[in-house]
């Protein structure tokens, strides 16, 4: 590819929020940011397909050969998806209030302590990298017709 857009970074920063149980049934919202690798569409699609299927092909000499099924696939879960797409975060501090640097191991440990972090990251990835925000804004700006859908309302105007 010969095109390079100067204003585009190698990573995309997205807002995310994890909702954790609080006292008396309330939810505590913790906003944070997550950085995703800017991947080609074909690679995003492949990762999405593996995530949906819950498995991916493993090279014959791969470290997970013992986990291969009869088709040569190994499990591919949310944590592995995030290993492939996340390259940083902000909004998490240690007991001294200092920022906690991102690593796959730190993310997994945080997920263990505060379940929902990884799901929040995945939601941010799908919302940021897969949803065309301009189309969503346009769709949501049209008042639905009492007689039908928003597209029917547009067609009648």
N, C-alpha and C. Protein backbone atom coordinates (compact mmCIF):
# COMPACT_ATOMS: atom_id res chain seq x y z
N UNK A 1 0.85 -1.18 0.00
CA UNK A 1 0.00 0.00 0.00
C UNK A 1 0.89 1.23 0.00
N UNK A 2 0.58 2.17 -0.85
CA UNK A 2 1.38 3.38 -0.96
C UNK A 2 0.84 4.56 -0.18
N UNK A 3 -0.37 4.48 0.34
CA UNK A 3 -0.99 5.61 1.02
C UNK A 3 -0.60 5.62 2.50
N UNK A 4 -0.23 6.80 2.99
CA UNK A 4 0.05 7.00 4.41
C UNK A 4 -0.64 8.28 4.83
N UNK A 5 -1.57 8.18 5.78
CA UNK A 5 -2.26 9.36 6.28
C UNK A 5 -1.50 9.84 7.51
N UNK A 6 -0.91 11.01 7.42
CA UNK A 6 0.00 11.51 8.44
C UNK A 6 -0.64 11.65 9.82
N UNK A 7 -1.90 12.01 9.88
CA UNK A 7 -2.55 12.26 11.18
C UNK A 7 -2.97 10.98 11.89
N UNK A 8 -2.77 9.81 11.26
CA UNK A 8 -3.22 8.55 11.84
C UNK A 8 -2.07 7.91 12.61
N UNK A 9 -2.31 7.60 13.88
CA UNK A 9 -1.31 6.96 14.73
C UNK A 9 -1.38 5.44 14.59
N UNK A 10 -0.34 4.77 15.06
CA UNK A 10 -0.30 3.30 15.03
C UNK A 10 -1.27 2.70 16.04
N UNK A 11 -1.67 3.49 17.03
CA UNK A 11 -2.62 3.02 18.05
C UNK A 11 -3.83 3.94 18.09
N UNK A 12 -4.97 3.37 18.44
CA UNK A 12 -6.22 4.11 18.55
C UNK A 12 -6.63 4.10 20.02
N UNK A 13 -6.83 5.27 20.59
CA UNK A 13 -7.26 5.36 21.99
C UNK A 13 -8.77 5.45 22.04
N UNK A 14 -9.38 4.62 22.87
CA UNK A 14 -10.84 4.59 22.99
C UNK A 14 -11.24 4.68 24.46
N UNK A 15 -12.38 5.31 24.70
CA UNK A 15 -12.94 5.38 26.04
C UNK A 15 -13.63 4.06 26.36
N UNK A 16 -13.49 3.63 27.60
CA UNK A 16 -14.17 2.41 28.06
C UNK A 16 -14.65 2.67 29.49
N UNK A 17 -15.64 1.92 29.90
CA UNK A 17 -16.14 2.02 31.27
C UNK A 17 -16.47 0.62 31.75
N UNK A 18 -15.97 0.29 32.93
CA UNK A 18 -16.34 -0.97 33.56
C UNK A 18 -17.31 -0.65 34.69
N UNK A 19 -18.34 -1.44 34.82
CA UNK A 19 -19.34 -1.27 35.87
C UNK A 19 -19.15 -2.39 36.88
N UNK A 20 -18.87 -1.99 38.11
CA UNK A 20 -18.60 -2.96 39.18
C UNK A 20 -19.68 -2.87 40.24
N UNK A 21 -20.00 -4.00 40.86
CA UNK A 21 -21.03 -3.98 41.90
C UNK A 21 -20.60 -3.13 43.09
N UNK A 22 -21.53 -2.33 43.57
CA UNK A 22 -21.29 -1.51 44.76
C UNK A 22 -22.28 -1.89 45.84
N UNK A 23 -22.32 -1.09 46.87
CA UNK A 23 -23.23 -1.34 47.99
C UNK A 23 -24.68 -1.11 47.57
N UNK A 24 -25.56 -1.86 48.20
CA UNK A 24 -27.01 -1.72 48.04
C UNK A 24 -27.47 -1.82 46.58
N UNK A 25 -26.81 -2.69 45.82
CA UNK A 25 -27.23 -2.92 44.45
C UNK A 25 -26.81 -1.87 43.44
N UNK A 26 -26.09 -0.86 43.89
CA UNK A 26 -25.65 0.18 42.95
C UNK A 26 -24.45 -0.31 42.15
N UNK A 27 -24.27 0.25 41.00
CA UNK A 27 -23.13 -0.05 40.15
C UNK A 27 -22.15 1.12 40.22
N UNK A 28 -20.89 0.79 40.33
CA UNK A 28 -19.83 1.80 40.34
C UNK A 28 -19.21 1.82 38.95
N UNK A 29 -19.28 2.96 38.30
CA UNK A 29 -18.71 3.11 36.96
C UNK A 29 -17.28 3.59 37.09
N UNK A 30 -16.36 2.88 36.46
CA UNK A 30 -14.96 3.29 36.42
C UNK A 30 -14.56 3.53 34.97
N UNK A 31 -14.48 4.79 34.55
CA UNK A 31 -14.05 5.07 33.17
C UNK A 31 -12.54 4.93 33.05
N UNK A 32 -12.09 4.46 31.90
CA UNK A 32 -10.66 4.36 31.62
C UNK A 32 -10.48 4.42 30.11
N UNK A 33 -9.24 4.46 29.68
CA UNK A 33 -8.95 4.47 28.25
C UNK A 33 -8.14 3.23 27.91
N UNK A 34 -8.36 2.74 26.72
CA UNK A 34 -7.64 1.57 26.23
C UNK A 34 -7.09 1.90 24.85
N UNK A 35 -5.87 1.47 24.60
CA UNK A 35 -5.25 1.71 23.30
C UNK A 35 -5.24 0.41 22.51
N UNK A 36 -5.74 0.51 21.28
CA UNK A 36 -5.79 -0.64 20.38
C UNK A 36 -4.79 -0.46 19.25
N UNK A 37 -4.21 -1.57 18.83
CA UNK A 37 -3.35 -1.54 17.65
C UNK A 37 -4.23 -1.23 16.44
N UNK A 38 -3.71 -0.40 15.55
CA UNK A 38 -4.43 -0.14 14.29
C UNK A 38 -4.08 -1.28 13.34
N UNK A 39 -5.02 -2.16 13.14
CA UNK A 39 -4.80 -3.35 12.32
C UNK A 39 -5.52 -3.22 10.98
N UNK A 40 -5.00 -3.89 9.96
CA UNK A 40 -5.73 -3.91 8.68
C UNK A 40 -7.08 -4.60 8.86
N UNK A 41 -8.05 -4.24 8.05
CA UNK A 41 -9.39 -4.80 8.14
C UNK A 41 -9.36 -6.33 8.08
N UNK A 42 -8.51 -6.89 7.21
CA UNK A 42 -8.45 -8.35 7.08
C UNK A 42 -8.02 -9.01 8.39
N UNK A 43 -7.09 -8.40 9.10
CA UNK A 43 -6.65 -8.96 10.37
C UNK A 43 -7.73 -8.79 11.44
N UNK A 44 -8.41 -7.64 11.46
CA UNK A 44 -9.52 -7.45 12.39
C UNK A 44 -10.60 -8.50 12.16
N UNK A 45 -10.92 -8.73 10.90
CA UNK A 45 -11.95 -9.70 10.54
C UNK A 45 -11.55 -11.10 10.99
N UNK A 46 -10.29 -11.46 10.77
CA UNK A 46 -9.82 -12.79 11.17
C UNK A 46 -9.91 -12.96 12.68
N UNK A 47 -9.47 -11.96 13.44
CA UNK A 47 -9.55 -12.03 14.90
C UNK A 47 -11.00 -12.14 15.37
N UNK A 48 -11.89 -11.38 14.75
CA UNK A 48 -13.31 -11.43 15.08
C UNK A 48 -13.87 -12.83 14.82
N UNK A 49 -13.52 -13.41 13.68
CA UNK A 49 -14.01 -14.75 13.35
C UNK A 49 -13.51 -15.78 14.36
N UNK A 50 -12.25 -15.69 14.74
CA UNK A 50 -11.71 -16.61 15.74
C UNK A 50 -12.42 -16.44 17.08
N UNK A 51 -12.68 -15.17 17.43
CA UNK A 51 -13.35 -14.90 18.71
C UNK A 51 -14.76 -15.49 18.71
N UNK A 52 -15.48 -15.32 17.62
CA UNK A 52 -16.84 -15.86 17.52
C UNK A 52 -16.81 -17.39 17.57
N UNK A 53 -15.87 -18.00 16.84
CA UNK A 53 -15.77 -19.46 16.80
C UNK A 53 -15.22 -20.04 18.10
N UNK A 54 -14.46 -19.23 18.83
CA UNK A 54 -13.85 -19.72 20.07
C UNK A 54 -12.63 -20.58 19.85
N UNK A 55 -12.11 -20.56 18.61
CA UNK A 55 -10.92 -21.34 18.30
C UNK A 55 -10.23 -20.73 17.09
N UNK A 56 -8.96 -21.10 16.95
CA UNK A 56 -8.17 -20.64 15.81
C UNK A 56 -7.17 -21.72 15.43
N UNK A 57 -6.68 -21.67 14.18
CA UNK A 57 -5.64 -22.64 13.79
C UNK A 57 -4.36 -22.39 14.58
N UNK A 58 -3.67 -23.45 14.91
CA UNK A 58 -2.38 -23.35 15.60
C UNK A 58 -1.30 -23.90 14.68
N UNK A 59 -0.21 -23.18 14.49
CA UNK A 59 0.87 -23.73 13.67
C UNK A 59 1.34 -25.07 14.24
N UNK A 60 1.79 -25.95 13.36
CA UNK A 60 2.21 -27.30 13.78
C UNK A 60 3.27 -27.26 14.87
N UNK A 61 4.13 -26.25 14.83
CA UNK A 61 5.19 -26.18 15.84
C UNK A 61 4.84 -25.21 16.97
N UNK A 62 3.58 -24.83 17.06
CA UNK A 62 3.15 -23.87 18.08
C UNK A 62 3.23 -24.43 19.49
N UNK A 63 3.30 -23.54 20.48
CA UNK A 63 3.44 -23.98 21.87
C UNK A 63 2.19 -24.63 22.45
N UNK A 64 1.06 -24.53 21.76
CA UNK A 64 -0.18 -25.08 22.30
C UNK A 64 -0.61 -26.34 21.56
N UNK A 65 0.34 -27.04 20.97
CA UNK A 65 0.03 -28.23 20.18
C UNK A 65 -0.78 -29.25 20.98
N UNK A 66 -0.53 -29.36 22.27
CA UNK A 66 -1.25 -30.33 23.10
C UNK A 66 -2.74 -29.99 23.20
N UNK A 67 -3.10 -28.72 22.97
CA UNK A 67 -4.50 -28.29 23.07
C UNK A 67 -5.26 -28.41 21.75
N UNK A 68 -4.58 -28.78 20.68
CA UNK A 68 -5.22 -28.86 19.36
C UNK A 68 -6.32 -29.90 19.34
N UNK A 69 -7.42 -29.55 18.65
CA UNK A 69 -8.48 -30.54 18.45
C UNK A 69 -8.18 -31.33 17.18
N UNK A 70 -9.11 -32.17 16.77
CA UNK A 70 -8.87 -33.03 15.60
C UNK A 70 -8.77 -32.23 14.30
N UNK A 71 -9.20 -30.95 14.30
CA UNK A 71 -9.07 -30.10 13.10
C UNK A 71 -7.80 -29.25 13.15
N UNK A 72 -7.01 -29.39 14.22
CA UNK A 72 -5.78 -28.60 14.36
C UNK A 72 -6.00 -27.23 14.96
N UNK A 73 -7.18 -26.99 15.56
CA UNK A 73 -7.50 -25.70 16.16
C UNK A 73 -7.24 -25.71 17.67
N UNK A 74 -6.97 -24.53 18.20
CA UNK A 74 -6.79 -24.36 19.65
C UNK A 74 -7.81 -23.32 20.13
N UNK A 75 -8.14 -23.34 21.42
CA UNK A 75 -9.10 -22.36 21.94
C UNK A 75 -8.62 -20.92 21.71
N UNK A 76 -9.58 -20.04 21.46
CA UNK A 76 -9.30 -18.61 21.29
C UNK A 76 -10.38 -17.87 22.05
N UNK A 77 -10.04 -17.34 23.23
CA UNK A 77 -11.04 -16.69 24.06
C UNK A 77 -10.83 -15.18 24.10
N UNK A 78 -11.62 -14.52 24.90
CA UNK A 78 -11.58 -13.05 24.99
C UNK A 78 -10.20 -12.55 25.37
N UNK A 79 -9.56 -13.23 26.31
CA UNK A 79 -8.24 -12.82 26.76
C UNK A 79 -7.23 -12.86 25.61
N UNK A 80 -7.32 -13.88 24.77
CA UNK A 80 -6.41 -13.97 23.63
C UNK A 80 -6.72 -12.92 22.57
N UNK A 81 -7.99 -12.61 22.38
CA UNK A 81 -8.34 -11.52 21.48
C UNK A 81 -7.69 -10.23 21.95
N UNK A 82 -7.82 -9.96 23.24
CA UNK A 82 -7.25 -8.72 23.77
C UNK A 82 -5.73 -8.71 23.70
N UNK A 83 -5.09 -9.88 23.87
CA UNK A 83 -3.63 -9.95 23.69
C UNK A 83 -3.24 -9.49 22.29
N UNK A 84 -4.09 -9.77 21.31
CA UNK A 84 -3.79 -9.44 19.91
C UNK A 84 -4.08 -7.99 19.57
N UNK A 85 -4.99 -7.32 20.30
CA UNK A 85 -5.42 -5.99 19.87
C UNK A 85 -5.06 -4.86 20.83
N UNK A 86 -4.86 -5.13 22.12
CA UNK A 86 -4.61 -4.07 23.09
C UNK A 86 -3.11 -3.83 23.24
N UNK A 87 -2.73 -2.55 23.23
CA UNK A 87 -1.31 -2.20 23.40
C UNK A 87 -1.08 -1.20 24.54
N UNK A 88 -2.14 -0.77 25.21
CA UNK A 88 -1.95 0.15 26.33
C UNK A 88 -3.26 0.50 27.00
N UNK A 89 -3.15 1.19 28.13
CA UNK A 89 -4.32 1.67 28.85
C UNK A 89 -3.94 2.83 29.73
N UNK A 90 -4.93 3.53 30.23
CA UNK A 90 -4.73 4.55 31.26
C UNK A 90 -5.99 4.57 32.11
N UNK A 91 -5.84 5.07 33.33
CA UNK A 91 -6.98 5.15 34.23
C UNK A 91 -6.93 4.14 35.35
N UNK A 92 -5.81 3.40 35.47
CA UNK A 92 -5.63 2.45 36.55
C UNK A 92 -4.40 2.85 37.36
N UNK A 93 -4.56 2.88 38.67
CA UNK A 93 -3.47 3.29 39.56
C UNK A 93 -3.21 2.21 40.60
N UNK A 94 -1.99 2.22 41.14
CA UNK A 94 -1.66 1.28 42.21
C UNK A 94 -2.03 1.90 43.56
N UNK A 95 -1.69 1.24 44.65
CA UNK A 95 -2.06 1.72 45.99
C UNK A 95 -1.46 3.07 46.32
N UNK A 96 -0.33 3.41 45.69
CA UNK A 96 0.31 4.71 45.92
C UNK A 96 -0.25 5.79 44.99
N UNK A 97 -1.20 5.42 44.13
CA UNK A 97 -1.79 6.38 43.21
C UNK A 97 -1.02 6.57 41.92
N UNK A 98 0.00 5.75 41.70
CA UNK A 98 0.80 5.85 40.48
C UNK A 98 0.16 5.03 39.35
N UNK A 99 0.26 5.51 38.12
CA UNK A 99 -0.31 4.77 37.00
C UNK A 99 0.30 3.37 36.88
N UNK A 100 -0.54 2.40 36.58
CA UNK A 100 -0.08 1.02 36.38
C UNK A 100 0.16 0.83 34.88
N UNK A 101 1.41 0.53 34.50
CA UNK A 101 1.69 0.30 33.07
C UNK A 101 0.95 -0.93 32.57
N UNK A 102 0.58 -0.89 31.30
CA UNK A 102 -0.15 -2.00 30.70
C UNK A 102 0.78 -3.15 30.37
N UNK A 103 0.32 -4.35 30.63
CA UNK A 103 0.91 -5.59 30.12
C UNK A 103 -0.22 -6.61 30.07
N UNK A 104 -0.02 -7.65 29.27
CA UNK A 104 -1.04 -8.69 29.20
C UNK A 104 -1.25 -9.32 30.58
N UNK A 105 -0.16 -9.57 31.29
CA UNK A 105 -0.25 -10.18 32.62
C UNK A 105 -0.98 -9.26 33.60
N UNK A 106 -0.71 -7.96 33.53
CA UNK A 106 -1.38 -7.00 34.42
C UNK A 106 -2.86 -6.92 34.10
N UNK A 107 -3.20 -6.96 32.81
CA UNK A 107 -4.62 -6.94 32.42
C UNK A 107 -5.34 -8.17 32.96
N UNK A 108 -4.73 -9.32 32.82
CA UNK A 108 -5.35 -10.55 33.32
C UNK A 108 -5.52 -10.51 34.84
N UNK A 109 -4.52 -9.99 35.54
CA UNK A 109 -4.61 -9.88 37.00
C UNK A 109 -5.71 -8.90 37.40
N UNK A 110 -5.84 -7.82 36.65
CA UNK A 110 -6.89 -6.84 36.93
C UNK A 110 -8.26 -7.45 36.67
N UNK A 111 -8.38 -8.24 35.61
CA UNK A 111 -9.64 -8.93 35.31
C UNK A 111 -10.00 -9.90 36.43
N UNK A 112 -9.01 -10.56 36.99
CA UNK A 112 -9.26 -11.50 38.09
C UNK A 112 -9.79 -10.76 39.32
N UNK A 113 -9.22 -9.59 39.60
CA UNK A 113 -9.64 -8.80 40.77
C UNK A 113 -10.95 -8.06 40.53
N UNK A 114 -11.14 -7.58 39.32
CA UNK A 114 -12.32 -6.78 38.96
C UNK A 114 -12.94 -7.34 37.68
N UNK A 115 -13.70 -8.42 37.79
CA UNK A 115 -14.29 -9.03 36.59
C UNK A 115 -15.13 -8.02 35.80
N UNK A 116 -14.90 -8.01 34.50
CA UNK A 116 -15.62 -7.09 33.62
C UNK A 116 -14.69 -6.16 32.87
N UNK A 117 -13.44 -6.04 33.32
CA UNK A 117 -12.48 -5.16 32.64
C UNK A 117 -12.29 -5.60 31.19
N UNK A 118 -12.06 -6.91 30.99
CA UNK A 118 -11.81 -7.40 29.63
C UNK A 118 -13.04 -7.23 28.74
N UNK A 119 -14.24 -7.48 29.28
CA UNK A 119 -15.44 -7.29 28.47
C UNK A 119 -15.59 -5.82 28.08
N UNK A 120 -15.27 -4.92 29.00
CA UNK A 120 -15.35 -3.48 28.71
C UNK A 120 -14.39 -3.09 27.59
N UNK A 121 -13.20 -3.70 27.60
CA UNK A 121 -12.23 -3.42 26.54
C UNK A 121 -12.75 -3.94 25.20
N UNK A 122 -13.33 -5.12 25.20
CA UNK A 122 -13.86 -5.68 23.96
C UNK A 122 -14.99 -4.83 23.41
N UNK A 123 -15.87 -4.36 24.28
CA UNK A 123 -16.96 -3.48 23.85
C UNK A 123 -16.39 -2.21 23.22
N UNK A 124 -15.36 -1.64 23.84
CA UNK A 124 -14.73 -0.44 23.30
C UNK A 124 -14.11 -0.72 21.93
N UNK A 125 -13.49 -1.89 21.76
CA UNK A 125 -12.89 -2.24 20.47
C UNK A 125 -13.95 -2.36 19.39
N UNK A 126 -14.99 -3.09 19.67
CA UNK A 126 -16.05 -3.26 18.67
C UNK A 126 -16.73 -1.91 18.37
N UNK A 127 -16.98 -1.11 19.40
CA UNK A 127 -17.61 0.20 19.18
C UNK A 127 -16.71 1.13 18.39
N UNK A 128 -15.41 1.09 18.65
CA UNK A 128 -14.47 2.01 18.02
C UNK A 128 -14.03 1.56 16.63
N UNK A 129 -13.73 0.28 16.50
CA UNK A 129 -13.13 -0.19 15.26
C UNK A 129 -14.13 -0.80 14.28
N UNK A 130 -15.35 -1.09 14.72
CA UNK A 130 -16.29 -1.78 13.85
C UNK A 130 -17.54 -0.96 13.54
N UNK A 131 -17.98 -0.11 14.44
CA UNK A 131 -19.20 0.66 14.23
C UNK A 131 -18.84 1.96 13.53
N UNK A 132 -19.52 2.24 12.42
CA UNK A 132 -19.33 3.51 11.74
C UNK A 132 -20.15 4.55 12.49
N UNK A 133 -19.49 5.39 13.24
CA UNK A 133 -20.16 6.35 14.11
C UNK A 133 -21.01 7.35 13.32
N UNK A 134 -20.58 7.72 12.14
CA UNK A 134 -21.36 8.67 11.34
C UNK A 134 -22.72 8.07 11.00
N UNK A 135 -22.74 6.80 10.60
CA UNK A 135 -24.01 6.15 10.28
C UNK A 135 -24.89 6.01 11.51
N UNK A 136 -24.27 5.67 12.65
CA UNK A 136 -25.04 5.54 13.88
C UNK A 136 -25.64 6.88 14.28
N UNK A 137 -24.88 7.96 14.15
CA UNK A 137 -25.38 9.28 14.50
C UNK A 137 -26.55 9.66 13.60
N UNK A 138 -26.41 9.39 12.30
CA UNK A 138 -27.49 9.72 11.36
C UNK A 138 -28.74 8.91 11.68
N UNK A 139 -28.57 7.63 11.91
CA UNK A 139 -29.72 6.77 12.19
C UNK A 139 -30.44 7.23 13.46
N UNK A 140 -29.67 7.61 14.47
CA UNK A 140 -30.26 7.99 15.74
C UNK A 140 -30.81 9.42 15.75
N UNK A 141 -30.52 10.19 14.71
CA UNK A 141 -31.00 11.57 14.68
C UNK A 141 -32.39 11.69 14.06
N UNK A 142 -32.87 10.64 13.44
CA UNK A 142 -34.18 10.66 12.80
C UNK A 142 -35.22 10.10 13.76
N UNK A 143 -36.27 10.87 13.97
CA UNK A 143 -37.33 10.42 14.86
C UNK A 143 -38.11 9.29 14.20
N UNK A 144 -38.30 8.18 14.91
CA UNK A 144 -39.05 7.07 14.32
C UNK A 144 -40.50 7.45 14.05
N UNK A 145 -41.02 6.91 13.00
CA UNK A 145 -42.42 7.14 12.64
C UNK A 145 -43.31 6.29 13.53
N UNK A 146 -44.45 6.82 13.97
CA UNK A 146 -45.37 5.99 14.75
C UNK A 146 -45.88 4.80 13.95
N UNK A 147 -45.79 4.90 12.61
CA UNK A 147 -46.30 3.84 11.75
C UNK A 147 -45.21 2.87 11.31
N UNK A 148 -43.97 3.10 11.72
CA UNK A 148 -42.92 2.19 11.25
C UNK A 148 -41.54 2.61 11.70
N UNK A 149 -40.54 2.19 10.95
CA UNK A 149 -39.15 2.39 11.30
C UNK A 149 -38.68 3.80 10.96
N UNK A 150 -37.44 4.11 11.39
CA UNK A 150 -36.85 5.40 11.07
C UNK A 150 -36.66 5.56 9.58
N UNK A 151 -36.29 4.46 8.88
CA UNK A 151 -36.11 4.54 7.42
C UNK A 151 -37.45 4.84 6.73
N UNK A 152 -38.53 4.31 7.27
CA UNK A 152 -39.85 4.62 6.72
C UNK A 152 -40.19 6.08 6.94
N UNK A 153 -39.79 6.62 8.07
CA UNK A 153 -40.04 8.03 8.35
C UNK A 153 -39.28 8.92 7.38
N UNK A 154 -38.01 8.54 7.08
CA UNK A 154 -37.21 9.30 6.12
C UNK A 154 -37.83 9.23 4.73
N UNK A 155 -38.30 8.06 4.36
CA UNK A 155 -38.87 7.87 3.02
C UNK A 155 -40.13 8.70 2.82
N UNK A 156 -40.87 8.93 3.90
CA UNK A 156 -42.12 9.67 3.76
C UNK A 156 -41.94 11.17 3.80
N UNK A 157 -40.72 11.65 4.12
CA UNK A 157 -40.50 13.09 4.18
C UNK A 157 -39.97 13.66 2.92
